[in-house]
């Protein structure tokens, strides 16, 4: 299984993110845009493993209080085959604390988690191509929104009938 830990979004936040994706498309961007049901914020990428139970135990050990997640701004970087477009998530102290707690708990269960700086972002599209003169800042609404974060989830990533599908396999409430 390919696993990761995520914050799943409220329908209202997904609406804001979908508006941003629609703006990109309307401005002529083409690519592999994230489907509504797959919009999330990754806290830690675990990767290929058959150890879902230890990953769930790691999340059970995470202690963090609920907090507000705020999004805003868009960005992109060049990748082979096009751009990756993303929406930013404000790197607040509670979010960064949660990220550190999740990574520490996974490491304690024997998972090798990347130790690079955490830059919270939401992938909007991969392999995106844009028309000549494209100005995302001028033509795309940034998804300025907020939602309460009351749980985190262990997610499985797989292809089903050729579509990337994310399935929640464990959820940990924040208290």
Protein backbone atom coordinates (compact mmCIF):
# COMPACT_ATOMS: atom_id res chain seq x y z
CA UNK A 1 0.00 0.00 0.00
CA UNK A 2 1.03 3.59 -0.62
CA UNK A 3 0.21 5.52 2.57
CA UNK A 4 0.23 9.10 3.78
CA UNK A 5 -1.18 11.13 6.68
CA UNK A 6 -3.50 13.98 5.79
CA UNK A 7 -5.95 16.61 6.87
CA UNK A 8 -9.12 16.06 4.89
CA UNK A 9 -11.14 19.13 3.96
CA UNK A 10 -14.64 20.35 4.62
CA UNK A 11 -17.00 20.69 1.63
CA UNK A 12 -16.75 24.48 1.95
CA UNK A 13 -12.96 24.50 1.69
CA UNK A 14 -13.16 22.12 -1.26
CA UNK A 15 -15.53 24.61 -2.93
CA UNK A 16 -12.88 27.36 -2.66
CA UNK A 17 -10.17 25.07 -4.01
CA UNK A 18 -12.40 23.93 -6.88
CA UNK A 19 -13.05 27.59 -7.79
CA UNK A 20 -9.29 28.12 -8.06
CA UNK A 21 -8.95 25.03 -10.27
CA UNK A 22 -11.82 26.23 -12.48
CA UNK A 23 -10.13 29.64 -12.80
CA UNK A 24 -6.93 27.92 -13.96
CA UNK A 25 -8.86 25.96 -16.58
CA UNK A 26 -10.80 29.05 -17.73
CA UNK A 27 -7.50 30.91 -18.20
CA UNK A 28 -6.33 28.19 -20.58
CA UNK A 29 -4.35 25.90 -18.29
CA UNK A 30 -4.51 22.23 -19.20
CA UNK A 31 -3.28 19.27 -17.20
CA UNK A 32 -4.06 16.65 -14.59
CA UNK A 33 -6.12 18.60 -12.04
CA UNK A 34 -6.88 17.18 -8.60
CA UNK A 35 -10.38 15.76 -8.31
CA UNK A 36 -12.57 17.22 -5.55
CA UNK A 37 -12.60 14.01 -3.51
CA UNK A 38 -8.77 13.91 -3.49
CA UNK A 39 -8.17 17.46 -2.20
CA UNK A 40 -6.27 17.30 1.10
CA UNK A 41 -3.22 18.60 2.97
CA UNK A 42 -0.46 16.03 3.42
CA UNK A 43 1.18 16.02 6.86
CA UNK A 44 3.57 13.12 6.20
CA UNK A 45 4.21 10.81 3.26
CA UNK A 46 4.89 7.23 4.31
CA UNK A 47 5.18 5.58 0.89
CA UNK A 48 4.91 1.92 -0.08
CA UNK A 49 4.42 -0.34 2.94
CA UNK A 50 2.38 -3.26 4.20
CA UNK A 51 2.47 -1.79 7.74
CA UNK A 52 -0.87 0.01 7.97
CA UNK A 53 -1.48 -1.15 11.56
CA UNK A 54 1.77 0.35 12.94
CA UNK A 55 1.00 3.57 11.01
CA UNK A 56 -2.44 3.73 12.64
CA UNK A 57 -0.84 3.09 16.06
CA UNK A 58 1.52 5.98 15.40
CA UNK A 59 -1.42 8.31 14.76
CA UNK A 60 -3.15 7.09 17.88
CA UNK A 61 -0.13 8.32 19.86
CA UNK A 62 -0.29 11.85 18.38
CA UNK A 63 -1.50 14.45 20.85
CA UNK A 64 -2.57 17.80 19.44
CA UNK A 65 -5.43 20.19 19.95
CA UNK A 66 -7.94 21.15 17.24
CA UNK A 67 -7.04 24.35 15.39
CA UNK A 68 -8.02 26.46 12.40
CA UNK A 69 -6.42 25.78 9.01
CA UNK A 70 -6.21 28.79 6.70
CA UNK A 71 -5.46 28.71 2.98
CA UNK A 72 -4.40 31.49 0.70
CA UNK A 73 -2.19 32.20 -2.25
CA UNK A 74 -1.24 30.01 -5.14
CA UNK A 75 2.09 28.97 -6.50
CA UNK A 76 3.72 26.68 -8.99
CA UNK A 77 7.00 25.16 -9.91
CA UNK A 78 8.30 23.64 -13.08
CA UNK A 79 8.47 19.91 -13.29
CA UNK A 80 9.19 17.55 -16.12
CA UNK A 81 6.11 17.58 -18.32
CA UNK A 82 4.71 20.90 -17.10
CA UNK A 83 4.01 22.79 -13.90
CA UNK A 84 2.71 21.68 -10.53
CA UNK A 85 0.17 24.24 -9.29
CA UNK A 86 -0.61 24.46 -5.57
CA UNK A 87 -2.56 26.46 -3.03
CA UNK A 88 -0.81 27.50 0.13
CA UNK A 89 -1.77 26.57 3.66
CA UNK A 90 -0.70 29.08 6.28
CA UNK A 91 2.19 27.55 8.29
CA UNK A 92 0.74 28.36 11.71
CA UNK A 93 2.28 27.09 14.93
CA UNK A 94 -0.50 24.51 15.51
CA UNK A 95 -0.12 23.11 11.99
CA UNK A 96 3.66 22.87 12.22
CA UNK A 97 3.37 21.33 15.70
CA UNK A 98 0.97 18.70 14.36
CA UNK A 99 3.30 17.92 11.46
CA UNK A 100 6.24 17.43 13.86
CA UNK A 101 4.16 15.21 16.18
CA UNK A 102 2.97 13.03 13.28
CA UNK A 103 6.51 12.61 11.92
CA UNK A 104 7.90 11.79 15.37
CA UNK A 105 5.19 9.19 16.01
CA UNK A 106 5.77 7.55 12.62
CA UNK A 107 9.53 7.53 13.17
CA UNK A 108 8.99 5.88 16.57
CA UNK A 109 7.11 3.10 14.77
CA UNK A 110 10.07 2.55 12.42
CA UNK A 111 8.95 4.52 9.38
CA UNK A 112 11.58 6.47 7.46
CA UNK A 113 10.04 9.94 7.09
CA UNK A 114 11.74 12.65 5.03
CA UNK A 115 13.47 15.20 7.23
CA UNK A 116 13.19 18.21 4.91
CA UNK A 117 11.50 21.48 5.77
CA UNK A 118 7.72 21.20 5.75
CA UNK A 119 6.03 23.59 3.34
CA UNK A 120 2.27 23.03 3.69
CA UNK A 121 0.55 23.14 0.30
CA UNK A 122 -2.41 21.62 -1.52
CA UNK A 123 -1.74 20.20 -4.96
CA UNK A 124 -4.23 21.62 -7.47
CA UNK A 125 -2.78 20.17 -10.67
CA UNK A 126 0.15 18.21 -12.04
CA UNK A 127 1.71 18.30 -15.51
CA UNK A 128 -0.09 21.59 -16.16
CA UNK A 129 0.65 23.51 -19.33
CA UNK A 130 -0.31 27.15 -19.72
CA UNK A 131 -0.79 29.40 -22.76
CA UNK A 132 1.83 31.97 -23.77
CA UNK A 133 1.62 35.04 -21.54
CA UNK A 134 -0.36 33.22 -18.82
CA UNK A 135 -0.56 35.29 -15.62
CA UNK A 136 -1.94 33.13 -12.82
CA UNK A 137 -1.83 35.92 -10.24
CA UNK A 138 -4.05 38.09 -12.47
CA UNK A 139 -6.52 35.42 -13.61
CA UNK A 140 -6.88 32.98 -10.71
CA UNK A 141 -8.68 33.55 -7.39
CA UNK A 142 -6.54 32.38 -4.50
CA UNK A 143 -8.53 30.09 -2.19
CA UNK A 144 -8.58 32.31 0.89
CA UNK A 145 -10.61 30.18 3.29
CA UNK A 146 -10.46 28.56 6.71
CA UNK A 147 -11.79 25.46 8.41
CA UNK A 148 -11.47 23.80 11.80
CA UNK A 149 -9.12 20.81 11.91
CA UNK A 150 -10.54 18.28 14.33
CA UNK A 151 -8.94 15.06 13.06
CA UNK A 152 -6.15 13.60 10.95
CA UNK A 153 -6.36 10.56 8.71
CA UNK A 154 -4.20 7.70 7.50
CA UNK A 155 -4.86 7.53 3.78
CA UNK A 156 -4.21 4.90 1.12
CA UNK A 157 -3.39 5.97 -2.43
CA UNK A 158 -4.17 3.60 -5.30
CA UNK A 159 -5.29 3.53 -8.92
CA UNK A 160 -8.79 2.18 -9.41
CA UNK A 161 -9.95 1.89 -13.02
CA UNK A 162 -7.10 4.20 -14.01
CA UNK A 163 -8.09 6.95 -11.52
CA UNK A 164 -6.02 8.00 -8.56
CA UNK A 165 -8.15 7.31 -5.50
CA UNK A 166 -7.47 8.20 -1.87
CA UNK A 167 -9.20 6.11 0.79
CA UNK A 168 -9.26 6.86 4.51
CA UNK A 169 -8.22 3.76 6.45
CA UNK A 170 -7.93 5.31 9.93
CA UNK A 171 -8.98 8.58 11.52
CA UNK A 172 -7.60 10.10 14.71
CA UNK A 173 -9.61 12.86 16.44
CA UNK A 174 -7.62 15.78 17.84
CA UNK A 175 -8.40 16.53 21.48
